[in-house]
Amino acid sequence: MSTDAQDRYALSFTSGGLLAREADVVASVYLRERDWVAVRRIVTEGNLLQARTSSSSVRVTRETVQRISVLDDAELELLVESSLTERCHLMWVAACRRYELIGDFAEEVLRERFLLLTPTLSIDDFDRFLTGKSLWHPELDELKATTRIRLRQNLFRMLYEAGLCSEDGAIVPAVLSERIVERLAARTPSDIRFLPTDLQTEASAR
């Protein structure tokens, strides 16, 4: 939990969902170029993400790059050769790494409710979470009501697209492949903490 009021949450995840399809395209270009600047240029100039307008191409490419750049090269290689389920799990973890607010929600609400056998998520759960975090993050109090709604909608959209929550708010246990578990558990603390699973993380095992 962040206690420094100056350590502001990044709050730019107001649209786009999980970006699993986009990540597959962008990661493939990166593994060839090994240069994020070149990747953004190639993807936008070629409209590889099939955006309707040049501005949306730039926006979606930028957001996708920001998320997958938190994955290391081994994780990116796994992402492009993974199944859709594995890719979605990796992209959920990438969102949690990129956005501390999402990571905190995943660990403190999603996983905690799953482990406590309270297997549902609601709008109220997210709103209570934001209210609690605003004690340390006053920038949350500055959000417009419409922005809070967009953040909440996109977070729940990511959860649904990642296969971690149903449309009616039921938490869906994450069934992780062995190679995903190996990659996520290699970090300290283990990034398994972001997922609704009873697999132990290094942090909880201590």
Foldseek 3Di string as FASTA:
>chain_A
DDQAQVPAWDQPLLDDALCLVVLLVLLVVCVVVVDLVVSLVVCLVVVVVVDPDSVVSNVSSVVSCLQCVVPDNVVSVCSNVDDQLLSLVSSLLSVCVSTVLLVCCLQVPLQVCLVVVVFFDDPVSVVVSLVVCCVRHVVSVVDDPVSSVSSVVSSVSSCVSSVQAPPRGGGDARDDDPVSQVRQQVDVQGSCSSGRYPDDTPVNVD
